[in-house]
Each structure stands twice: as structure tokens, then as C-alpha cells.
């Protein structure tokens, strides 16, 4: 279980780096699982903003909502 968490965090951080490197926006949006948001995304977003200056706006709902929001171009990332 712990290895899944590490993989998820690594994948999310890698995606954030990729998105900011391509200068998509000064603010990135993430929509997804509220548990993930509380468990690690909030802390990860703050660390990422401190490192890059790019704000990550988080909203919960569900992983399915995150996928739909990305598919509709209403969010940069879903989780």
C-alpha cells in the first residue's frame, strides 16, 4: 500500500513538472479525489508553488470528476 502512495506522489509531481516546464499557465488546476487532495496534494501543491512560483488550484469531487474535467479541458490534471 505504501509503495502505491509513493508511486502516485511521484507520478503527480512528475506531471506537475512537465506541465510547468511547458509554461502552460501560471496557475495549474487539479480536480480529483478529495482523500488524495487532503492526504498529499495540498502539501505537494504548496511545495511545488514554493519551488516554481506556479500556483496549483485544487478541487475535490472524485477521480471520475477529475478525468471528466481534464477531458473537457476544464482542468490541467485529474487524480
PDB file of N, CA and C in Angstrom:
ATOM      1  N   UNK A   1       0.821  -1.190   0.000  1.00  0.00           N
ATOM      2  CA  UNK A   1       0.000   0.000   0.000  1.00  0.00           C
ATOM      3  C   UNK A   1       0.864   1.252   0.000  1.00  0.00           C
ATOM      4  N   UNK A   2       1.928   1.246   0.783  1.00  0.00           N
ATOM      5  CA  UNK A   2       2.791   2.410   0.858  1.00  0.00           C
ATOM      6  C   UNK A   2       3.483   2.673  -0.480  1.00  0.00           C
ATOM      7  N   UNK A   3       3.846   1.616  -1.201  1.00  0.00           N
ATOM      8  CA  UNK A   3       4.507   1.799  -2.498  1.00  0.00           C
ATOM      9  C   UNK A   3       3.562   2.437  -3.505  1.00  0.00           C
ATOM     10  N   UNK A   4       2.259   2.144  -3.436  1.00  0.00           N
ATOM     11  CA  UNK A   4       1.285   2.797  -4.323  1.00  0.00           C
ATOM     12  C   UNK A   4       1.236   4.288  -4.048  1.00  0.00           C
ATOM     13  N   UNK A   5       1.280   4.649  -2.783  1.00  0.00           N
ATOM     14  CA  UNK A   5       1.250   6.064  -2.410  1.00  0.00           C
ATOM     15  C   UNK A   5       2.479   6.788  -2.945  1.00  0.00           C
ATOM     16  N   UNK A   6       3.617   6.171  -2.832  1.00  0.00           N
ATOM     17  CA  UNK A   6       4.853   6.770  -3.331  1.00  0.00           C
ATOM     18  C   UNK A   6       4.799   6.902  -4.848  1.00  0.00           C
ATOM     19  N   UNK A   7       4.298   5.882  -5.519  1.00  0.00           N
ATOM     20  CA  UNK A   7       4.171   5.931  -6.976  1.00  0.00           C
ATOM     21  C   UNK A   7       3.211   7.035  -7.389  1.00  0.00           C
ATOM     22  N   UNK A   8       2.085   7.147  -6.702  1.00  0.00           N
ATOM     23  CA  UNK A   8       1.100   8.186  -7.028  1.00  0.00           C
ATOM     24  C   UNK A   8       1.694   9.571  -6.835  1.00  0.00           C
ATOM     25  N   UNK A   9       2.403   9.780  -5.756  1.00  0.00           N
ATOM     26  CA  UNK A   9       3.015  11.086  -5.497  1.00  0.00           C
ATOM     27  C   UNK A   9       4.079  11.405  -6.535  1.00  0.00           C
ATOM     28  N   UNK A  10       4.887  10.426  -6.876  1.00  0.00           N
ATOM     29  CA  UNK A  10       5.935  10.627  -7.867  1.00  0.00           C
ATOM     30  C   UNK A  10       5.328  10.951  -9.225  1.00  0.00           C
ATOM     31  N   UNK A  11       4.292  10.222  -9.609  1.00  0.00           N
ATOM     32  CA  UNK A  11       3.644  10.468 -10.898  1.00  0.00           C
ATOM     33  C   UNK A  11       3.014  11.862 -10.937  1.00  0.00           C
ATOM     34  N   UNK A  12       2.359  12.241  -9.854  1.00  0.00           N
ATOM     35  CA  UNK A  12       1.738  13.563  -9.794  1.00  0.00           C
ATOM     36  C   UNK A  12       2.785  14.657  -9.873  1.00  0.00           C
ATOM     37  N   UNK A  13       3.858  14.519  -9.112  1.00  0.00           N
ATOM     38  CA  UNK A  13       4.917  15.524  -9.132  1.00  0.00           C
ATOM     39  C   UNK A  13       5.558  15.613 -10.512  1.00  0.00           C
ATOM     40  N   UNK A  14       5.769  14.474 -11.147  1.00  0.00           N
ATOM     41  CA  UNK A  14       6.362  14.462 -12.494  1.00  0.00           C
ATOM     42  C   UNK A  14       5.456  15.182 -13.482  1.00  0.00           C
ATOM     43  N   UNK A  15       4.155  14.959 -13.366  1.00  0.00           N
ATOM     44  CA  UNK A  15       3.218  15.635 -14.247  1.00  0.00           C
ATOM     45  C   UNK A  15       3.231  17.137 -14.009  1.00  0.00           C
ATOM     46  N   UNK A  16       3.292  17.531 -12.752  1.00  0.00           N
ATOM     47  CA  UNK A  16       3.370  18.955 -12.446  1.00  0.00           C
ATOM     48  C   UNK A  16       4.615  19.585 -13.060  1.00  0.00           C
ATOM     49  N   UNK A  17       5.740  18.915 -12.944  1.00  0.00           N
ATOM     50  CA  UNK A  17       6.973  19.427 -13.536  1.00  0.00           C
ATOM     51  C   UNK A  17       6.848  19.554 -15.047  1.00  0.00           C
ATOM     52  N   UNK A  18       6.283  18.562 -15.680  1.00  0.00           N
ATOM     53  CA  UNK A  18       6.111  18.580 -17.124  1.00  0.00           C
ATOM     54  C   UNK A  18       5.221  19.735 -17.550  1.00  0.00           C
ATOM     55  N   UNK A  19       4.113  19.921 -16.857  1.00  0.00           N
ATOM     56  CA  UNK A  19       3.192  20.994 -17.215  1.00  0.00           C
ATOM     57  C   UNK A  19       3.816  22.368 -17.026  1.00  0.00           C
ATOM     58  N   UNK A  20       4.531  22.561 -15.947  1.00  0.00           N
ATOM     59  CA  UNK A  20       5.113  23.884 -15.715  1.00  0.00           C
ATOM     60  C   UNK A  20       6.287  24.136 -16.649  1.00  0.00           C
ATOM     61  N   UNK A  21       7.009  23.103 -16.991  1.00  0.00           N
ATOM     62  CA  UNK A  21       8.141  23.267 -17.898  1.00  0.00           C
ATOM     63  C   UNK A  21       7.680  23.734 -19.270  1.00  0.00           C
ATOM     64  N   UNK A  22       6.473  23.354 -19.646  1.00  0.00           N
ATOM     65  CA  UNK A  22       5.973  23.778 -20.949  1.00  0.00           C
ATOM     66  C   UNK A  22       5.243  25.110 -20.862  1.00  0.00           C
ATOM     67  N   UNK A  23       5.264  25.744 -19.690  1.00  0.00           N
ATOM     68  CA  UNK A  23       4.689  27.079 -19.490  1.00  0.00           C
ATOM     69  C   UNK A  23       3.232  27.167 -19.911  1.00  0.00           C
ATOM     70  N   UNK A  24       2.442  26.205 -19.523  1.00  0.00           N
ATOM     71  CA  UNK A  24       1.029  26.220 -19.870  1.00  0.00           C
ATOM     72  C   UNK A  24       0.311  27.381 -19.177  1.00  0.00           C
ATOM     73  N   UNK A  25       0.589  27.584 -17.922  1.00  0.00           N
ATOM     74  CA  UNK A  25      -0.118  28.626 -17.182  1.00  0.00           C
ATOM     75  C   UNK A  25       0.640  28.948 -15.908  1.00  0.00           C
ATOM     76  N   UNK A  26       0.318  30.110 -15.336  1.00  0.00           N
ATOM     77  CA  UNK A  26       0.885  30.457 -14.039  1.00  0.00           C
ATOM     78  C   UNK A  26       0.099  29.788 -12.925  1.00  0.00           C
ATOM     79  N   UNK A  27      -1.102  29.337 -13.231  1.00  0.00           N
ATOM     80  CA  UNK A  27      -1.913  28.583 -12.294  1.00  0.00           C
ATOM     81  C   UNK A  27      -2.327  27.285 -12.966  1.00  0.00           C
ATOM     82  N   UNK A  28      -2.069  26.177 -12.306  1.00  0.00           N
ATOM     83  CA  UNK A  28      -2.498  24.878 -12.783  1.00  0.00           C
ATOM     84  C   UNK A  28      -3.699  24.448 -11.964  1.00  0.00           C
ATOM     85  N   UNK A  29      -4.589  23.686 -12.558  1.00  0.00           N
ATOM     86  CA  UNK A  29      -5.757  23.202 -11.840  1.00  0.00           C
ATOM     87  C   UNK A  29      -5.721  21.689 -11.737  1.00  0.00           C
ATOM     88  N   UNK A  30      -6.092  21.188 -10.576  1.00  0.00           N
ATOM     89  CA  UNK A  30      -6.178  19.753 -10.309  1.00  0.00           C
ATOM     90  C   UNK A  30      -7.547  19.470  -9.737  1.00  0.00           C
ATOM     91  N   UNK A  31      -8.241  18.512 -10.294  1.00  0.00           N
ATOM     92  CA  UNK A  31      -9.526  18.073  -9.780  1.00  0.00           C
ATOM     93  C   UNK A  31      -9.453  16.575  -9.567  1.00  0.00           C
ATOM     94  N   UNK A  32      -9.920  16.104  -8.427  1.00  0.00           N
ATOM     95  CA  UNK A  32      -9.865  14.666  -8.202  1.00  0.00           C
ATOM     96  C   UNK A  32     -10.382  14.270  -6.844  1.00  0.00           C
ATOM     97  N   UNK A  33      -9.916  13.141  -6.411  1.00  0.00           N
ATOM     98  CA  UNK A  33     -10.331  12.518  -5.164  1.00  0.00           C
ATOM     99  C   UNK A  33     -10.044  13.433  -3.972  1.00  0.00           C
ATOM    100  N   UNK A  34     -11.078  13.682  -3.180  1.00  0.00           N
ATOM    101  CA  UNK A  34     -10.915  14.534  -2.008  1.00  0.00           C
ATOM    102  C   UNK A  34      -9.951  13.947  -0.985  1.00  0.00           C
ATOM    103  N   UNK A  35      -9.896  12.627  -0.904  1.00  0.00           N
ATOM    104  CA  UNK A  35      -8.974  11.975   0.030  1.00  0.00           C
ATOM    105  C   UNK A  35      -7.538  12.234  -0.405  1.00  0.00           C
ATOM    106  N   UNK A  36      -7.257  12.110  -1.697  1.00  0.00           N
ATOM    107  CA  UNK A  36      -5.910  12.394  -2.210  1.00  0.00           C
ATOM    108  C   UNK A  36      -5.551  13.863  -1.995  1.00  0.00           C
ATOM    109  N   UNK A  37      -6.533  14.725  -2.214  1.00  0.00           N
ATOM    110  CA  UNK A  37      -6.296  16.162  -2.012  1.00  0.00           C
ATOM    111  C   UNK A  37      -5.848  16.433  -0.585  1.00  0.00           C
ATOM    112  N   UNK A  38      -6.547  15.849   0.373  1.00  0.00           N
ATOM    113  CA  UNK A  38      -6.210  16.068   1.778  1.00  0.00           C
ATOM    114  C   UNK A  38      -4.951  15.312   2.189  1.00  0.00           C
ATOM    115  N   UNK A  39      -4.777  14.096   1.650  1.00  0.00           N
ATOM    116  CA  UNK A  39      -3.668  13.241   2.073  1.00  0.00           C
ATOM    117  C   UNK A  39      -2.315  13.755   1.622  1.00  0.00           C
ATOM    118  N   UNK A  40      -2.221  14.237   0.387  1.00  0.00           N
ATOM    119  CA  UNK A  40      -0.903  14.665  -0.086  1.00  0.00           C
ATOM    120  C   UNK A  40      -0.905  15.787  -1.120  1.00  0.00           C
ATOM    121  N   UNK A  41      -1.995  16.000  -1.839  1.00  0.00           N
ATOM    122  CA  UNK A  41      -1.956  17.009  -2.899  1.00  0.00           C
ATOM    123  C   UNK A  41      -1.796  18.435  -2.363  1.00  0.00           C
ATOM    124  N   UNK A  42      -2.432  18.740  -1.256  1.00  0.00           N
ATOM    125  CA  UNK A  42      -2.323  20.094  -0.703  1.00  0.00           C
ATOM    126  C   UNK A  42      -0.871  20.412  -0.352  1.00  0.00           C
ATOM    127  N   UNK A  43      -0.214  19.470   0.302  1.00  0.00           N
ATOM    128  CA  UNK A  43       1.194  19.663   0.676  1.00  0.00           C
ATOM    129  C   UNK A  43       2.081  19.706  -0.566  1.00  0.00           C
ATOM    130  N   UNK A  44       1.819  18.841  -1.504  1.00  0.00           N
ATOM    131  CA  UNK A  44       2.592  18.799  -2.744  1.00  0.00           C
ATOM    132  C   UNK A  44       2.416  20.093  -3.538  1.00  0.00           C
ATOM    133  N   UNK A  45       1.194  20.594  -3.598  1.00  0.00           N
ATOM    134  CA  UNK A  45       0.925  21.834  -4.329  1.00  0.00           C
ATOM    135  C   UNK A  45       1.661  23.016  -3.705  1.00  0.00           C
ATOM    136  N   UNK A  46       1.669  23.084  -2.386  1.00  0.00           N
ATOM    137  CA  UNK A  46       2.383  24.174  -1.709  1.00  0.00           C
ATOM    138  C   UNK A  46       3.892  24.100  -1.953  1.00  0.00           C
ATOM    139  N   UNK A  47       4.445  22.908  -1.879  1.00  0.00           N
ATOM    140  CA  UNK A  47       5.880  22.742  -2.140  1.00  0.00           C
ATOM    141  C   UNK A  47       6.210  23.088  -3.579  1.00  0.00           C
ATOM    142  N   UNK A  48       5.336  22.696  -4.495  1.00  0.00           N
ATOM    143  CA  UNK A  48       5.553  22.983  -5.912  1.00  0.00           C
ATOM    144  C   UNK A  48       5.501  24.488  -6.175  1.00  0.00           C
ATOM    145  N   UNK A  49       4.535  25.169  -5.565  1.00  0.00           N
ATOM    146  CA  UNK A  49       4.423  26.614  -5.737  1.00  0.00           C
ATOM    147  C   UNK A  49       5.653  27.324  -5.161  1.00  0.00           C
ATOM    148  N   UNK A  50       6.121  26.868  -4.024  1.00  0.00           N
ATOM    149  CA  UNK A  50       7.312  27.467  -3.417  1.00  0.00           C
ATOM    150  C   UNK A  50       8.521  27.312  -4.326  1.00  0.00           C
ATOM    151  N   UNK A  51       8.641  26.147  -4.959  1.00  0.00           N
ATOM    152  CA  UNK A  51       9.791  25.852  -5.820  1.00  0.00           C
ATOM    153  C   UNK A  51       9.723  26.566  -7.171  1.00  0.00           C
ATOM    154  N   UNK A  52       8.515  26.661  -7.746  1.00  0.00           N
ATOM    155  CA  UNK A  52       8.392  27.151  -9.124  1.00  0.00           C
ATOM    156  C   UNK A  52       7.675  28.486  -9.270  1.00  0.00           C
ATOM    157  N   UNK A  53       6.897  28.861  -8.254  1.00  0.00           N
ATOM    158  CA  UNK A  53       6.082  30.068  -8.367  1.00  0.00           C
ATOM    159  C   UNK A  53       4.761  29.819  -9.079  1.00  0.00           C
ATOM    160  N   UNK A  54       4.521  28.589  -9.488  1.00  0.00           N
ATOM    161  CA  UNK A  54       3.280  28.228 -10.174  1.00  0.00           C
ATOM    162  C   UNK A  54       2.273  27.730  -9.144  1.00  0.00           C
ATOM    163  N   UNK A  55       1.133  28.405  -9.063  1.00  0.00           N
ATOM    164  CA  UNK A  55       0.082  28.029  -8.110  1.00  0.00           C
ATOM    165  C   UNK A  55      -0.695  26.835  -8.657  1.00  0.00           C
ATOM    166  N   UNK A  56      -1.022  25.889  -7.795  1.00  0.00           N
ATOM    167  CA  UNK A  56      -1.846  24.743  -8.172  1.00  0.00           C
ATOM    168  C   UNK A  56      -3.158  24.857  -7.409  1.00  0.00           C
ATOM    169  N   UNK A  57      -4.234  25.067  -8.142  1.00  0.00           N
ATOM    170  CA  UNK A  57      -5.560  25.170  -7.551  1.00  0.00           C
ATOM    171  C   UNK A  57      -6.160  23.774  -7.462  1.00  0.00           C
ATOM    172  N   UNK A  58      -6.586  23.394  -6.262  1.00  0.00           N
ATOM    173  CA  UNK A  58      -7.096  22.048  -6.024  1.00  0.00           C
ATOM    174  C   UNK A  58      -8.603  22.068  -5.803  1.00  0.00           C
ATOM    175  N   UNK A  59      -9.288  21.096  -6.398  1.00  0.00           N
ATOM    176  CA  UNK A  59     -10.700  20.905  -6.081  1.00  0.00           C
ATOM    177  C   UNK A  59     -10.994  19.416  -6.055  1.00  0.00           C
ATOM    178  N   UNK A  60     -11.805  19.023  -5.101  1.00  0.00           N
ATOM    179  CA  UNK A  60     -12.145  17.619  -4.938  1.00  0.00           C
ATOM    180  C   UNK A  60     -13.380  17.245  -5.721  1.00  0.00           C
ATOM    181  N   UNK A  61     -13.932  16.123  -5.387  1.00  0.00           N
ATOM    182  CA  UNK A  61     -15.135  15.642  -6.051  1.00  0.00           C
ATOM    183  C   UNK A  61     -15.057  14.146  -6.219  1.00  0.00           C
ATOM    184  N   UNK A  62     -14.190  13.706  -7.078  1.00  0.00           N
ATOM    185  CA  UNK A  62     -13.929  12.277  -7.272  1.00  0.00           C
ATOM    186  C   UNK A  62     -12.902  12.127  -8.377  1.00  0.00           C
ATOM    187  N   UNK A  63     -12.316  10.953  -8.460  1.00  0.00           N
ATOM    188  CA  UNK A  63     -11.366  10.688  -9.531  1.00  0.00           C
ATOM    189  C   UNK A  63     -12.076  10.771 -10.884  1.00  0.00           C
ATOM    190  N   UNK A  64     -13.307  10.267 -10.947  1.00  0.00           N
ATOM    191  CA  UNK A  64     -14.071  10.322 -12.196  1.00  0.00           C
ATOM    192  C   UNK A  64     -14.320  11.764 -12.620  1.00  0.00           C
ATOM    193  N   UNK A  65     -14.633  12.617 -11.658  1.00  0.00           N
ATOM    194  CA  UNK A  65     -14.828  14.031 -11.969  1.00  0.00           C
ATOM    195  C   UNK A  65     -13.537  14.631 -12.506  1.00  0.00           C
ATOM    196  N   UNK A  66     -12.417  14.251 -11.905  1.00  0.00           N
ATOM    197  CA  UNK A  66     -11.132  14.747 -12.380  1.00  0.00           C
ATOM    198  C   UNK A  66     -10.873  14.367 -13.827  1.00  0.00           C
ATOM    199  N   UNK A  67     -11.167  13.122 -14.167  1.00  0.00           N
ATOM    200  CA  UNK A  67     -10.981  12.662 -15.545  1.00  0.00           C
ATOM    201  C   UNK A  67     -11.895  13.436 -16.489  1.00  0.00           C
ATOM    202  N   UNK A  68     -13.145  13.610 -16.105  1.00  0.00           N
ATOM    203  CA  UNK A  68     -14.084  14.367 -16.961  1.00  0.00           C
ATOM    204  C   UNK A  68     -13.642  15.816 -17.133  1.00  0.00           C
ATOM    205  N   UNK A  69     -13.149  16.429 -16.063  1.00  0.00           N
ATOM    206  CA  UNK A  69     -12.717  17.827 -16.142  1.00  0.00           C
ATOM    207  C   UNK A  69     -11.506  17.984 -17.070  1.00  0.00           C
ATOM    208  N   UNK A  70     -10.577  17.043 -17.013  1.00  0.00           N
ATOM    209  CA  UNK A  70      -9.414  17.091 -17.906  1.00  0.00           C
ATOM    210  C   UNK A  70      -9.855  16.872 -19.352  1.00  0.00           C
ATOM    211  N   UNK A  71     -10.736  15.902 -19.567  1.00  0.00           N
ATOM    212  CA  UNK A  71     -11.219  15.613 -20.918  1.00  0.00           C
ATOM    213  C   UNK A  71     -11.956  16.803 -21.525  1.00  0.00           C
ATOM    214  N   UNK A  72     -12.625  17.572 -20.682  1.00  0.00           N
ATOM    215  CA  UNK A  72     -13.376  18.744 -21.146  1.00  0.00           C
ATOM    216  C   UNK A  72     -12.506  20.005 -21.175  1.00  0.00           C
ATOM    217  N   UNK A  73     -11.218  19.856 -20.915  1.00  0.00           N
ATOM    218  CA  UNK A  73     -10.275  20.993 -20.852  1.00  0.00           C
ATOM    219  C   UNK A  73     -10.659  22.014 -19.782  1.00  0.00           C
ATOM    220  N   UNK A  74     -11.257  21.533 -18.686  1.00  0.00           N
ATOM    221  CA  UNK A  74     -11.605  22.408 -17.563  1.00  0.00           C
ATOM    222  C   UNK A  74     -10.607  22.289 -16.419  1.00  0.00           C
ATOM    223  N   UNK A  75      -9.665  21.371 -16.532  1.00  0.00           N
ATOM    224  CA  UNK A  75      -8.617  21.185 -15.519  1.00  0.00           C
ATOM    225  C   UNK A  75      -7.373  20.679 -16.229  1.00  0.00           C
ATOM    226  N   UNK A  76      -6.222  21.028 -15.678  1.00  0.00           N
ATOM    227  CA  UNK A  76      -4.954  20.556 -16.250  1.00  0.00           C
ATOM    228  C   UNK A  76      -4.668  19.113 -15.865  1.00  0.00           C
ATOM    229  N   UNK A  77      -5.081  18.734 -14.633  1.00  0.00           N
ATOM    230  CA  UNK A  77      -4.770  17.400 -14.114  1.00  0.00           C
ATOM    231  C   UNK A  77      -5.977  16.837 -13.388  1.00  0.00           C
ATOM    232  N   UNK A  78      -6.108  15.532 -13.432  1.00  0.00           N
ATOM    233  CA  UNK A  78      -7.134  14.827 -12.670  1.00  0.00           C
ATOM    234  C   UNK A  78      -6.469  13.739 -11.858  1.00  0.00           C
ATOM    235  N   UNK A  79      -7.016  13.466 -10.698  1.00  0.00           N
ATOM    236  CA  UNK A  79      -6.387  12.441  -9.881  1.00  0.00           C
ATOM    237  C   UNK A  79      -7.353  11.741  -8.978  1.00  0.00           C
TER     238      UNK A  79
END
